[in-house]
């Protein structure tokens, strides 16, 4: 993702009563008790922004569904082109052209964002293909197992040492993939491609760090992909398979709206990440695949056999173990910071 949140954004619950004639010590305590009110507001705003971001990402299957008969390639190509135009409008309104220019001049930043653009293109194409071909359940699985992939990347790329519960979660995750492979009769390649492409995308973006804000990052990634996306749109139009102008004005404007639909949740996420600790963000991230899973079952009526339910259940056990470990670690870190 684009922004690394501050280590601890949790509010204090301490309250200091103010007597009619406070002493100096009490006044100091009262002064310390005032900031949490603003922190409360920031935390509430962060949670709302986070729910907005993951909620919109969770509802994406419905958007892709109403775009049919457009295929995955056309949807992603339009998404890139209109995202770039929307980003240019936002940059103009916010007067952020200097930030974009700095990112383009910095070879390390531009190279990282170029790689991120490739990874997110793979992710978008795979996810859109999954939804538009009746495989939205498997697509949601990809984002459920993404936290486990992030843990594996920490081991193999960053050489991190896993805690026992993290090892347990990864082991349970491998069992889940085995169960689902048996259920599908093949590797769940859509889910695995989504999990690894998004996990690597997050890793690359984290390496860029705070040098690039969310809007600049999306703008550079869109600029890298735009020539390929525009060429694809032209090719589809010449081949007579493009739907942009052939399915009526409603379809036309829905495809154009892909720029807004792409940028807004990303900006919401950036606003949330600046206000919340990583632990809270880690909990909110399950909101999107859960919504996608519910939509796949309730709206798209995709089948879930018993062995697939078992496979998903094992995945959820792995995520529960990972979440318990995350909360325990955050609590220990919080206690350590409060010690004099």
Foldseek 3Di string as FASTA:
>chain_A
DAAAADAALDADPDDQDDDPDDDPVSVVVNVVVPVSVVSVVLQVLLVVLLCVLLVLLLCVLVLLVVLPPDAQLLLLLLLLQLLLVVLVVVCVVVVPVVLLVVQVVDPLNLVLLQLLLVLVSLLSSLQSNCSNVLNLLLLLLLLLCLVLLLVVCCCPPVVDDDDPLNVVLNVLLVVLQVLVCVVVVHGSVSSPSNSNSVSVSVVSSVVSYPSHAQSSSSNSSSVSCNVVSVVVQVVCVVVVNDCLPPPDPVSVVSSSCSSVSVRSSSVSNRSSSHSRHPLVSLVSSNSNSVSSNCCSCPVVVRDDDPSNVVSVVSSVVSVVSVSVVSVVVSVVVVVVVPDD
